[in-house]
N, C-alpha and C. Protein backbone atom coordinates (compact mmCIF):
# COMPACT_ATOMS: atom_id res chain seq x y z
N MET A 1 0.75 -0.97 -0.06
CA MET A 1 0.20 -0.07 0.14
C MET A 1 0.91 1.25 -0.15
N GLU A 2 0.95 2.03 -1.07
CA GLU A 2 1.73 3.32 -1.27
C GLU A 2 0.68 4.40 -0.55
N ILE A 3 1.57 5.06 0.46
CA ILE A 3 0.83 6.16 1.39
C ILE A 3 1.45 7.52 1.10
N ALA A 4 0.88 8.55 1.16
CA ALA A 4 1.50 9.90 1.07
C ALA A 4 0.68 10.52 2.30
N ILE A 5 1.58 11.43 3.07
CA ILE A 5 1.10 12.30 4.19
C ILE A 5 1.18 13.47 3.82
N VAL A 6 0.12 14.29 4.08
CA VAL A 6 -0.20 15.47 3.63
C VAL A 6 -0.80 16.31 4.34
N GLU A 7 -0.69 17.64 4.50
CA GLU A 7 -1.80 18.73 5.33
C GLU A 7 -3.15 18.48 4.67
N ALA A 8 -4.22 18.29 5.38
CA ALA A 8 -5.41 18.39 5.04
C ALA A 8 -5.73 19.87 4.99
N GLY A 9 -5.22 20.65 4.16
CA GLY A 9 -5.55 22.03 3.88
C GLY A 9 -6.58 22.53 3.26
N SER A 10 -7.16 21.66 2.16
CA SER A 10 -8.16 22.06 1.49
C SER A 10 -9.64 21.57 2.22
N PRO A 11 -10.63 22.20 1.87
CA PRO A 11 -11.94 21.84 2.42
C PRO A 11 -12.28 20.26 2.06
N SER A 12 -12.15 19.73 0.90
CA SER A 12 -12.36 18.77 0.66
C SER A 12 -11.51 17.44 1.39
N LEU A 13 -10.42 17.80 1.42
CA LEU A 13 -9.39 16.92 2.65
C LEU A 13 -10.03 16.74 3.88
N ARG A 14 -10.19 18.02 4.40
CA ARG A 14 -10.89 18.05 5.88
C ARG A 14 -12.00 17.35 5.86
N ALA A 15 -12.95 17.52 4.95
CA ALA A 15 -14.15 16.71 4.91
C ALA A 15 -13.90 15.25 4.79
N GLU A 16 -12.95 14.91 4.09
CA GLU A 16 -12.79 13.40 4.03
C GLU A 16 -12.07 12.88 5.24
N ALA A 17 -11.31 13.78 5.70
CA ALA A 17 -10.76 13.58 7.47
C ALA A 17 -11.83 13.47 8.43
N PHE A 18 -12.74 14.23 8.35
CA PHE A 18 -13.93 14.25 9.39
C PHE A 18 -14.87 13.14 8.94
N ALA A 19 -14.95 12.73 7.80
CA ALA A 19 -15.69 11.38 7.42
C ALA A 19 -15.00 10.10 8.25
N LEU A 20 -13.64 10.07 7.82
CA LEU A 20 -13.06 8.84 8.37
C LEU A 20 -13.13 8.73 9.85
N ARG A 21 -13.04 9.96 10.63
CA ARG A 21 -13.13 10.16 12.08
C ARG A 21 -14.59 9.45 12.41
N ARG A 22 -15.46 10.10 11.84
CA ARG A 22 -16.82 9.57 12.13
C ARG A 22 -16.96 7.98 11.94
N ARG A 23 -16.56 7.55 10.96
CA ARG A 23 -16.57 6.14 10.65
C ARG A 23 -15.93 5.26 11.88
N VAL A 24 -14.66 5.84 12.20
CA VAL A 24 -14.14 5.14 13.41
C VAL A 24 -14.29 5.27 14.70
N PHE A 25 -14.54 6.72 15.01
CA PHE A 25 -15.11 6.90 16.40
C PHE A 25 -16.48 6.85 16.79
N VAL A 26 -17.42 7.31 15.88
CA VAL A 26 -18.97 7.06 16.10
C VAL A 26 -19.48 5.85 15.78
N GLU A 27 -19.05 5.49 14.43
CA GLU A 27 -19.72 4.18 14.22
C GLU A 27 -19.01 2.87 14.66
N GLU A 28 -17.68 2.75 14.72
CA GLU A 28 -16.96 1.60 15.15
C GLU A 28 -16.99 1.86 16.70
N GLN A 29 -16.63 3.00 17.33
CA GLN A 29 -16.21 2.64 18.64
C GLN A 29 -17.36 3.36 19.38
N ARG A 30 -18.34 3.68 18.98
CA ARG A 30 -19.75 4.44 19.38
C ARG A 30 -19.21 5.32 20.58
N VAL A 31 -18.46 6.40 19.91
CA VAL A 31 -18.40 7.57 20.60
C VAL A 31 -19.59 8.61 20.39
N PRO A 32 -20.18 9.20 21.24
CA PRO A 32 -21.06 9.82 20.88
C PRO A 32 -20.79 11.12 19.77
N GLU A 33 -21.70 11.17 18.89
CA GLU A 33 -21.24 12.14 17.71
C GLU A 33 -21.14 13.56 18.22
N ALA A 34 -21.70 14.07 19.33
CA ALA A 34 -21.63 15.34 19.90
C ALA A 34 -20.25 15.72 20.30
N LEU A 35 -19.57 14.48 20.75
CA LEU A 35 -17.97 14.50 21.43
C LEU A 35 -17.19 14.35 20.17
N GLU A 36 -17.44 13.98 19.01
CA GLU A 36 -16.44 13.56 18.11
C GLU A 36 -15.83 14.85 17.57
N ARG A 37 -16.59 15.80 17.31
CA ARG A 37 -16.04 17.15 16.66
C ARG A 37 -15.93 18.34 17.60
N ASP A 38 -15.17 19.17 17.77
CA ASP A 38 -14.94 20.13 18.79
C ASP A 38 -14.45 21.48 18.30
N GLU A 39 -14.25 22.48 19.10
CA GLU A 39 -13.96 23.72 18.55
C GLU A 39 -12.50 23.77 18.36
N GLN A 40 -11.91 22.76 18.46
CA GLN A 40 -10.22 22.97 18.05
C GLN A 40 -9.94 22.40 16.89
N ASP A 41 -11.12 21.80 16.18
CA ASP A 41 -10.78 21.34 14.76
C ASP A 41 -10.72 22.65 13.77
N GLU A 42 -11.06 23.61 14.11
CA GLU A 42 -11.15 24.77 13.26
C GLU A 42 -9.60 25.26 13.21
N ASP A 43 -8.91 25.32 14.30
CA ASP A 43 -7.29 26.04 14.23
C ASP A 43 -6.25 25.00 14.29
N ALA A 44 -6.56 23.67 14.36
CA ALA A 44 -5.66 22.47 14.44
C ALA A 44 -5.22 22.43 13.07
N PHE A 45 -3.83 21.71 13.36
CA PHE A 45 -3.10 21.23 11.90
C PHE A 45 -3.62 19.94 11.89
N HIS A 46 -4.11 19.50 10.54
CA HIS A 46 -4.70 18.33 10.41
C HIS A 46 -3.75 17.59 9.15
N ALA A 47 -3.23 16.43 9.42
CA ALA A 47 -2.72 15.70 8.38
C ALA A 47 -3.56 14.37 8.09
N VAL A 48 -3.53 14.26 6.87
CA VAL A 48 -4.16 12.78 6.33
C VAL A 48 -3.22 12.01 5.53
N ALA A 49 -3.62 10.63 5.61
CA ALA A 49 -2.66 9.71 4.80
C ALA A 49 -3.63 9.33 3.54
N LEU A 50 -2.94 9.55 2.47
CA LEU A 50 -3.59 9.20 1.22
C LEU A 50 -3.25 7.76 0.48
N SER A 51 -4.10 6.90 -0.13
CA SER A 51 -3.60 5.91 -0.51
C SER A 51 -4.56 5.87 -1.81
N GLY A 52 -3.92 5.96 -3.05
CA GLY A 52 -4.83 6.10 -4.00
C GLY A 52 -5.67 7.10 -4.23
N GLY A 53 -5.18 8.19 -3.61
CA GLY A 53 -6.17 9.39 -3.67
C GLY A 53 -7.25 9.39 -2.57
N ARG A 54 -7.38 8.33 -1.71
CA ARG A 54 -8.56 8.41 -0.87
C ARG A 54 -7.81 8.27 0.63
N VAL A 55 -8.43 9.03 1.42
CA VAL A 55 -8.07 9.28 2.76
C VAL A 55 -8.34 8.01 3.59
N VAL A 56 -7.07 7.54 3.87
CA VAL A 56 -7.03 6.21 4.85
C VAL A 56 -6.64 6.56 6.31
N GLY A 57 -6.16 7.66 6.49
CA GLY A 57 -5.91 8.06 7.98
C GLY A 57 -5.78 9.41 8.32
N THR A 58 -5.89 9.85 9.32
CA THR A 58 -5.95 11.36 9.81
C THR A 58 -5.63 11.57 11.35
N GLY A 59 -5.17 12.51 11.62
CA GLY A 59 -4.78 13.06 12.99
C GLY A 59 -4.59 14.52 12.97
N ARG A 60 -4.42 15.30 14.16
CA ARG A 60 -4.29 16.78 14.26
C ARG A 60 -3.41 16.83 15.46
N LEU A 61 -3.01 18.08 15.19
CA LEU A 61 -1.89 18.68 16.14
C LEU A 61 -2.70 19.96 16.70
N VAL A 62 -2.67 20.07 17.88
CA VAL A 62 -3.40 21.16 18.51
C VAL A 62 -2.47 22.12 19.49
N ILE A 63 -1.90 23.27 19.26
CA ILE A 63 -1.05 23.92 20.11
C ILE A 63 -1.70 24.52 21.46
N GLN A 64 -1.01 24.18 22.44
CA GLN A 64 -1.50 24.32 23.99
C GLN A 64 -0.47 25.37 24.26
N PRO A 65 -1.04 25.76 25.58
CA PRO A 65 0.02 26.82 26.30
C PRO A 65 1.43 26.31 26.60
N GLY A 66 2.44 27.11 26.68
CA GLY A 66 3.58 26.49 27.18
C GLY A 66 4.60 25.77 26.15
N ARG A 67 4.00 26.11 24.85
CA ARG A 67 4.84 25.38 23.82
C ARG A 67 4.74 24.02 23.70
N VAL A 68 3.46 23.18 24.21
CA VAL A 68 3.20 22.04 24.34
C VAL A 68 2.09 21.74 23.02
N GLY A 69 2.56 20.57 22.14
CA GLY A 69 1.37 20.25 21.22
C GLY A 69 0.42 19.14 21.74
N ARG A 70 -0.64 18.98 21.34
CA ARG A 70 -1.42 17.86 21.59
C ARG A 70 -2.01 17.07 20.34
N VAL A 71 -1.55 15.91 20.28
CA VAL A 71 -1.94 15.14 19.13
C VAL A 71 -3.19 14.47 19.49
N GLY A 72 -4.16 14.50 18.60
CA GLY A 72 -5.42 13.86 18.75
C GLY A 72 -6.18 13.33 17.47
N ARG A 73 -7.23 12.89 17.83
CA ARG A 73 -8.17 12.60 16.70
C ARG A 73 -7.48 11.51 15.72
N MET A 74 -6.64 10.77 16.21
CA MET A 74 -5.93 9.87 15.20
C MET A 74 -6.86 8.73 14.85
N ALA A 75 -6.91 8.57 13.73
CA ALA A 75 -8.00 7.54 13.04
C ALA A 75 -7.37 6.80 11.82
N VAL A 76 -7.49 5.53 11.70
CA VAL A 76 -6.85 4.99 10.53
C VAL A 76 -8.05 4.04 9.98
N ASP A 77 -8.49 4.06 8.77
CA ASP A 77 -9.32 3.17 8.22
C ASP A 77 -9.17 1.69 8.68
N ARG A 78 -10.14 0.94 8.63
CA ARG A 78 -9.77 -0.44 9.16
C ARG A 78 -9.07 -1.28 8.16
N ALA A 79 -9.23 -1.10 6.92
CA ALA A 79 -8.33 -1.77 5.79
C ALA A 79 -6.98 -1.40 5.91
N ALA A 80 -6.53 -0.16 6.41
CA ALA A 80 -5.31 0.21 6.40
C ALA A 80 -4.57 0.10 7.77
N ARG A 81 -5.25 -0.62 8.58
CA ARG A 81 -4.47 -0.75 10.14
C ARG A 81 -3.23 -1.33 10.29
N ARG A 82 -2.99 -2.13 9.24
CA ARG A 82 -1.62 -3.08 9.39
C ARG A 82 -0.52 -2.30 8.43
N ALA A 83 -0.86 -1.19 7.83
CA ALA A 83 0.11 -0.70 6.81
C ALA A 83 1.09 0.38 7.37
N ARG A 84 0.86 0.44 8.77
CA ARG A 84 1.90 1.43 9.51
C ARG A 84 1.40 3.05 9.08
N VAL A 85 0.22 3.06 8.64
CA VAL A 85 -0.12 4.57 8.53
C VAL A 85 -0.30 5.30 9.68
N GLY A 86 -0.50 4.75 10.86
CA GLY A 86 -0.40 5.40 11.97
C GLY A 86 0.93 5.99 12.61
N ASP A 87 1.81 5.19 12.25
CA ASP A 87 3.29 5.73 12.47
C ASP A 87 3.68 6.72 11.77
N ARG A 88 3.17 6.70 10.24
CA ARG A 88 3.69 7.61 9.38
C ARG A 88 2.86 8.87 9.97
N LEU A 89 1.66 8.93 10.15
CA LEU A 89 0.97 10.22 10.52
C LEU A 89 1.52 10.77 11.68
N LEU A 90 1.59 9.87 12.84
CA LEU A 90 2.50 10.37 14.11
C LEU A 90 3.83 10.91 13.89
N ALA A 91 4.50 10.79 13.06
CA ALA A 91 5.96 11.15 12.68
C ALA A 91 5.74 12.53 12.04
N ALA A 92 4.71 12.42 11.03
CA ALA A 92 4.33 13.95 10.42
C ALA A 92 3.82 15.00 11.33
N LEU A 93 3.06 14.44 12.44
CA LEU A 93 2.54 15.41 13.33
C LEU A 93 3.75 15.99 14.36
N GLU A 94 4.58 14.96 14.52
CA GLU A 94 5.66 15.49 15.42
C GLU A 94 6.72 16.47 14.51
N GLU A 95 6.81 16.13 13.45
CA GLU A 95 7.68 16.86 12.54
C GLU A 95 6.88 18.57 12.59
N ARG A 96 5.66 18.39 12.29
CA ARG A 96 5.14 19.75 12.32
C ARG A 96 5.14 20.58 13.81
N ALA A 97 5.26 19.67 14.73
CA ALA A 97 5.45 20.20 16.15
C ALA A 97 6.93 20.73 16.29
N ARG A 98 7.81 20.18 15.79
CA ARG A 98 9.30 20.56 15.74
C ARG A 98 9.22 21.79 14.90
N GLU A 99 8.70 21.86 13.83
CA GLU A 99 8.88 23.00 13.02
C GLU A 99 8.18 24.27 13.81
N LEU A 100 7.18 23.88 14.50
CA LEU A 100 6.52 25.24 15.15
C LEU A 100 7.32 25.40 16.45
N ARG A 101 8.46 24.71 16.72
CA ARG A 101 9.43 24.94 17.83
C ARG A 101 8.64 24.53 19.17
N LEU A 102 7.66 23.51 19.19
CA LEU A 102 7.27 23.28 20.21
C LEU A 102 7.99 22.26 21.25
N THR A 103 8.15 22.30 22.41
CA THR A 103 8.96 21.25 23.17
C THR A 103 8.75 19.96 23.59
N GLU A 104 7.27 19.88 23.75
CA GLU A 104 6.66 18.45 24.07
C GLU A 104 5.46 18.12 23.46
N ILE A 105 4.99 16.93 23.34
CA ILE A 105 3.70 16.57 22.94
C ILE A 105 2.91 15.94 23.68
N GLU A 106 1.71 16.23 23.90
CA GLU A 106 1.19 15.33 24.86
C GLU A 106 -0.22 14.45 24.23
N LEU A 107 -0.90 13.50 24.70
CA LEU A 107 -1.87 12.89 23.78
C LEU A 107 -2.73 12.12 24.94
N HIS A 108 -4.00 11.54 24.80
CA HIS A 108 -4.78 11.07 25.40
C HIS A 108 -4.67 9.89 24.42
N ALA A 109 -4.37 8.51 25.15
CA ALA A 109 -4.28 7.46 24.27
C ALA A 109 -5.29 6.32 24.83
N GLN A 110 -6.16 5.84 23.71
CA GLN A 110 -7.00 4.92 24.43
C GLN A 110 -6.21 3.86 24.71
N CYS A 111 -6.39 3.24 26.02
CA CYS A 111 -5.57 2.44 26.53
C CYS A 111 -5.08 1.13 25.60
N HIS A 112 -5.91 0.64 24.64
CA HIS A 112 -5.55 -0.41 24.07
C HIS A 112 -4.53 -0.11 22.90
N VAL A 113 -4.12 1.03 22.57
CA VAL A 113 -3.17 1.30 21.79
C VAL A 113 -1.91 2.16 22.40
N GLU A 114 -1.98 2.06 23.94
CA GLU A 114 -0.96 2.34 24.78
C GLU A 114 0.49 2.14 23.88
N PRO A 115 0.63 0.58 23.79
CA PRO A 115 1.82 0.20 23.06
C PRO A 115 2.14 0.68 21.78
N PHE A 116 1.58 1.17 21.01
CA PHE A 116 1.77 1.86 19.93
C PHE A 116 2.50 3.40 20.19
N TYR A 117 2.01 3.99 20.98
CA TYR A 117 2.46 5.17 21.61
C TYR A 117 3.97 4.80 22.11
N ALA A 118 3.74 4.20 23.03
CA ALA A 118 5.23 3.80 23.88
C ALA A 118 6.33 3.47 22.76
N ARG A 119 5.95 2.74 21.75
CA ARG A 119 7.10 2.62 21.00
C ARG A 119 7.36 3.70 20.07
N ALA A 120 6.77 4.77 19.91
CA ALA A 120 7.15 5.93 19.32
C ALA A 120 7.84 6.84 20.32
N GLY A 121 8.05 6.38 21.58
CA GLY A 121 8.78 7.22 22.48
C GLY A 121 7.77 7.73 23.72
N TYR A 122 6.66 7.73 23.63
CA TYR A 122 5.57 8.36 24.62
C TYR A 122 5.52 7.56 25.93
N ALA A 123 5.34 8.58 27.05
CA ALA A 123 5.64 7.82 28.62
C ALA A 123 4.23 7.80 29.02
N ARG A 124 3.56 7.19 29.86
CA ARG A 124 2.56 7.37 30.52
C ARG A 124 2.63 8.30 31.63
N HIS A 125 1.75 9.01 31.86
CA HIS A 125 1.71 9.98 33.04
C HIS A 125 0.34 9.91 33.67
N GLY A 126 0.42 9.39 35.03
CA GLY A 126 -0.69 9.24 35.69
C GLY A 126 -1.56 7.88 35.41
N GLU A 127 -2.76 7.79 35.94
CA GLU A 127 -3.44 6.61 36.08
C GLU A 127 -4.60 6.85 34.80
N PRO A 128 -5.14 5.58 34.35
CA PRO A 128 -6.24 5.67 33.18
C PRO A 128 -7.31 6.46 33.63
N PHE A 129 -8.14 6.88 32.71
CA PHE A 129 -9.44 7.61 32.98
C PHE A 129 -10.31 7.24 31.81
N VAL A 130 -11.57 7.58 31.95
CA VAL A 130 -12.47 7.61 31.06
C VAL A 130 -12.79 8.65 30.28
N GLU A 131 -12.45 8.70 28.99
CA GLU A 131 -13.07 9.67 28.05
C GLU A 131 -13.96 9.20 26.79
N ALA A 132 -15.17 9.78 26.79
CA ALA A 132 -15.85 9.46 25.74
C ALA A 132 -16.39 7.90 25.74
N GLY A 133 -16.25 7.53 27.22
CA GLY A 133 -17.10 6.22 27.42
C GLY A 133 -15.80 5.20 27.08
N ILE A 134 -14.37 5.43 26.67
CA ILE A 134 -13.36 4.80 26.60
C ILE A 134 -12.33 5.14 27.50
N ASP A 135 -11.72 3.82 28.19
CA ASP A 135 -10.27 4.01 29.02
C ASP A 135 -9.39 4.64 28.12
N HIS A 136 -8.86 5.72 28.74
CA HIS A 136 -7.50 6.51 27.96
C HIS A 136 -6.58 6.68 29.07
N VAL A 137 -5.40 7.15 28.82
CA VAL A 137 -4.31 7.32 29.80
C VAL A 137 -3.40 8.59 28.85
N VAL A 138 -2.75 9.35 29.86
CA VAL A 138 -2.22 10.57 29.23
C VAL A 138 -0.91 10.06 28.99
N MET A 139 -0.26 10.60 27.87
CA MET A 139 1.11 10.26 27.58
C MET A 139 1.55 11.58 27.04
N ARG A 140 3.17 11.50 27.17
CA ARG A 140 3.96 12.91 26.90
C ARG A 140 5.18 12.12 26.28
N LYS A 141 5.68 13.08 25.35
CA LYS A 141 7.05 12.97 24.63
C LYS A 141 7.71 14.24 24.42
N LYS A 142 9.02 14.23 25.00
CA LYS A 142 9.61 15.72 24.70
C LYS A 142 10.28 15.57 23.39
N LEU A 143 10.19 16.86 22.83
CA LEU A 143 10.68 17.02 21.19
C LEU A 143 12.42 17.30 21.41
């Protein structure tokens, strides 16, 4: 599977990213639709993974106070989950954070994917908690 990671800078790419997020979070994981989109979507940096011109993955980077980035809304199409799409998306979001001279990235990882983020250098901070009905843990990585 050939993958290209690009910024979702156009309205059409953002719409495809949001549609993928809806499929993964709302339909598959049963996250309430009202929680899937938020006010941070407007100003966030959104990256998408393209395969054959189709969005197969997405994630966003939000700048927080103190030069800390927050990665979130990472979603990969079911058919692309074993193709290292998440690895490439996370690397692209980290690169964007470095370009912005951020010093750290924080994220709320679903507990079942904590090992994915740990392999990328993220460390758990604190105890698990429930967010949108799913167990999560805060993870951080210094840049």
